Amino acid sequence: MYETVVNPSYRLLGLVDTAVDPCAPDASDSNWLLPAPGMVYLQVPSQVVRMALRLESWSTRPPEPGGDWFGREEVEVELPGCDLGLATIDCGRTDIPLILPSPGSYGMRWQWMFNSEEGPFVSPLSWQTLEIPPVREVEFDGADQYCLVQIWRTATAPRAG
């Protein structure tokens, strides 16, 4: 597990394998998550300046966490290395102390909620103001958005040889 507060930039925050170039995939107007080999980027409203982030590594698919989440998406991504970093357009990649057990395919469940005491927030997908239910969670700690990312291995890379 790893927790931090980050500052997304240009409406993007990436979780990237340090073995790949952290360039962001092209934005999409249909999904909050932008997966590409070795990385996943989350699109966020431009009003999000501070995001509380919790990353969890699991040996198997984790149970669904409870709570009132605004959004939830799952993706599967190939991670060629075992070291991860957080990437933003402004600051590049910052290594984090969450190391995965081995290269291979990983499932990722991203869930997020917005701080209803901040905002309003505009969707990066539709450019419409988001209807944010009142949420009072300690996870915000003054942040505009809270995001939980759960990662688990779905398959390992074949051995060379």
Protein backbone atom coordinates (compact mmCIF):
# COMPACT_ATOMS: atom_id res chain seq x y z
CA MET A 1 0.00 0.00 0.00
CA TYR A 2 1.13 3.54 -0.75
CA GLU A 3 -0.66 6.83 0.01
CA THR A 4 0.22 10.30 -1.21
CA VAL A 5 -1.22 13.62 -2.33
CA VAL A 6 -0.54 14.58 -5.95
CA ASN A 7 -1.21 17.52 -8.22
CA PRO A 8 -2.61 16.38 -11.58
CA SER A 9 -1.79 18.64 -14.51
CA TYR A 10 -3.55 19.26 -17.80
CA ARG A 11 -6.47 17.16 -16.45
CA LEU A 12 -4.31 13.99 -16.26
CA LEU A 13 -2.64 11.78 -13.67
CA GLY A 14 -0.76 8.66 -14.75
CA LEU A 15 0.39 5.47 -13.10
CA VAL A 16 3.27 4.24 -15.25
CA ASP A 17 5.78 1.42 -15.33
CA THR A 18 9.26 2.97 -15.06
CA ALA A 19 10.40 0.71 -17.94
CA VAL A 20 8.30 2.72 -20.46
CA ASP A 21 8.20 6.32 -21.67
CA PRO A 22 5.55 8.09 -19.55
CA CYS A 23 4.00 10.03 -22.45
CA ALA A 24 0.24 10.32 -21.97
CA PRO A 25 -2.14 8.59 -24.38
CA ASP A 26 -4.53 10.75 -26.37
CA ALA A 27 -7.55 11.87 -24.35
CA SER A 28 -10.88 10.19 -25.01
CA ASP A 29 -14.36 11.55 -24.48
CA SER A 30 -15.76 8.12 -23.64
CA ASN A 31 -13.68 6.88 -20.66
CA TRP A 32 -12.16 8.38 -17.56
CA LEU A 33 -9.23 5.93 -17.81
CA LEU A 34 -6.73 6.03 -20.68
CA PRO A 35 -4.81 2.73 -20.73
CA ALA A 36 -1.78 2.02 -22.92
CA PRO A 37 1.02 -0.55 -22.68
CA GLY A 38 2.85 0.08 -19.41
CA MET A 39 0.56 2.86 -18.16
CA VAL A 40 -2.90 4.07 -17.19
CA TYR A 41 -3.90 7.73 -17.02
CA LEU A 42 -6.95 9.08 -15.21
CA GLN A 43 -8.69 12.12 -16.65
CA VAL A 44 -9.73 14.56 -13.94
CA PRO A 45 -11.67 17.83 -13.91
CA SER A 46 -9.43 20.86 -14.38
CA GLN A 47 -10.67 22.12 -10.99
CA VAL A 48 -8.84 19.26 -9.23
CA VAL A 49 -5.64 20.76 -7.86
CA ARG A 50 -4.91 18.26 -5.07
CA MET A 51 -5.75 14.56 -5.20
CA ALA A 52 -5.42 12.14 -2.30
CA LEU A 53 -4.31 8.83 -3.80
CA ARG A 54 -4.14 5.35 -2.31
CA LEU A 55 -2.47 2.51 -4.25
CA GLU A 56 -2.94 -1.10 -3.17
CA SER A 57 -1.15 -4.16 -4.56
CA TRP A 58 -3.03 -7.45 -4.22
CA SER A 59 -1.99 -11.04 -4.98
CA THR A 60 -5.49 -11.79 -6.37
CA ARG A 61 -8.49 -9.76 -7.47
CA PRO A 62 -9.49 -7.70 -4.39
CA PRO A 63 -13.02 -7.54 -3.01
CA GLU A 64 -15.09 -4.54 -4.01
CA PRO A 65 -14.54 -1.71 -1.49
CA GLY A 66 -17.64 -0.17 0.02
CA GLY A 67 -18.42 3.52 -0.05
CA ASP A 68 -20.11 6.08 -2.23
CA TRP A 69 -17.84 6.31 -5.25
CA PHE A 70 -18.50 8.84 -8.00
CA GLY A 71 -16.70 6.79 -10.63
CA ARG A 72 -15.25 3.34 -11.13
CA GLU A 73 -13.42 1.73 -14.06
CA GLU A 74 -11.32 -1.40 -14.48
CA VAL A 75 -8.62 -2.04 -17.07
CA GLU A 76 -5.99 -4.67 -17.76
CA VAL A 77 -2.53 -3.48 -18.71
CA GLU A 78 0.79 -5.12 -19.52
CA LEU A 79 3.54 -3.94 -17.16
CA PRO A 80 7.02 -4.89 -18.47
CA GLY A 81 8.88 -3.92 -15.29
CA CYS A 82 8.03 -4.08 -11.62
CA ASP A 83 8.62 -0.47 -10.55
CA LEU A 84 5.83 2.10 -10.78
CA GLY A 85 5.77 5.86 -10.86
CA LEU A 86 3.21 8.66 -10.88
CA ALA A 87 3.29 10.88 -13.96
CA THR A 88 1.97 14.35 -14.68
CA ILE A 89 2.53 16.58 -17.69
CA ASP A 90 4.12 19.35 -15.58
CA CYS A 91 6.38 17.25 -13.34
CA GLY A 92 7.14 14.13 -15.38
CA ARG A 93 7.45 10.85 -13.51
CA THR A 94 8.01 10.45 -9.78
CA ASP A 95 9.05 6.99 -8.61
CA ILE A 96 6.99 5.48 -5.80
CA PRO A 97 7.85 2.71 -3.31
CA LEU A 98 5.19 0.29 -4.61
CA ILE A 99 6.98 -2.54 -6.41
CA LEU A 100 5.04 -5.31 -8.12
CA PRO A 101 6.17 -8.95 -7.84
CA SER A 102 6.99 -9.57 -11.53
CA PRO A 103 6.39 -8.34 -15.09
CA GLY A 104 3.10 -9.37 -16.66
CA SER A 105 -0.54 -8.45 -17.09
CA TYR A 106 -2.22 -6.64 -14.23
CA GLY A 107 -5.79 -5.71 -13.53
CA MET A 108 -6.40 -2.24 -12.15
CA ARG A 109 -9.55 -1.00 -10.48
CA TRP A 110 -9.71 2.78 -10.20
CA GLN A 111 -12.42 4.34 -8.00
CA TRP A 112 -12.78 8.00 -7.17
CA MET A 113 -14.93 10.55 -5.41
CA PHE A 114 -14.92 14.32 -5.34
CA ASN A 115 -14.91 16.57 -2.29
CA SER A 116 -18.44 18.00 -2.29
CA GLU A 117 -17.20 20.97 -0.24
CA GLU A 118 -15.03 22.05 -3.18
CA GLY A 119 -15.95 22.60 -6.83
CA PRO A 120 -18.05 22.85 -8.87
CA PHE A 121 -16.32 20.22 -11.02
CA VAL A 122 -16.63 20.00 -14.81
CA SER A 123 -16.35 16.61 -16.50
CA PRO A 124 -13.28 16.23 -18.75
CA LEU A 125 -15.43 13.95 -20.94
CA SER A 126 -18.58 16.01 -21.56
CA TRP A 127 -17.61 19.50 -20.32
CA GLN A 128 -20.80 19.45 -18.23
CA THR A 129 -20.90 20.37 -14.56
CA LEU A 130 -20.84 17.17 -12.50
CA GLU A 131 -23.59 16.45 -9.97
CA ILE A 132 -21.53 15.67 -6.86
CA PRO A 133 -23.40 14.08 -3.95
CA PRO A 134 -22.46 15.38 -0.51
CA VAL A 135 -19.56 13.25 0.73
CA ARG A 136 -17.82 13.68 4.05
CA GLU A 137 -14.83 11.38 4.05
CA VAL A 138 -11.66 11.62 6.08
CA GLU A 139 -9.69 10.41 3.03
CA PHE A 140 -9.90 13.86 1.44
CA ASP A 141 -7.60 15.54 3.98
CA GLY A 142 -8.21 18.87 2.20
CA ALA A 143 -7.93 17.41 -1.32
CA ASP A 144 -10.39 18.00 -4.15
CA GLN A 145 -10.54 14.34 -5.16
CA TYR A 146 -9.82 10.97 -3.53
CA CYS A 147 -8.76 8.03 -5.71
CA LEU A 148 -8.25 4.38 -4.78
CA VAL A 149 -6.28 2.22 -7.22
CA GLN A 150 -6.20 -1.54 -6.62
CA ILE A 151 -3.69 -3.58 -8.67
CA TRP A 152 -3.48 -7.37 -9.02
CA ARG A 153 -1.62 -9.71 -11.31
CA THR A 154 -3.76 -11.49 -13.91
CA ALA A 155 -0.93 -13.29 -15.77
CA THR A 156 2.85 -13.37 -15.75
CA ALA A 157 5.13 -12.69 -18.67
CA PRO A 158 6.57 -15.83 -20.34
CA ARG A 159 10.14 -16.65 -19.40
CA ALA A 160 12.80 -16.16 -22.03
CA GLY A 161 14.84 -19.13 -22.84
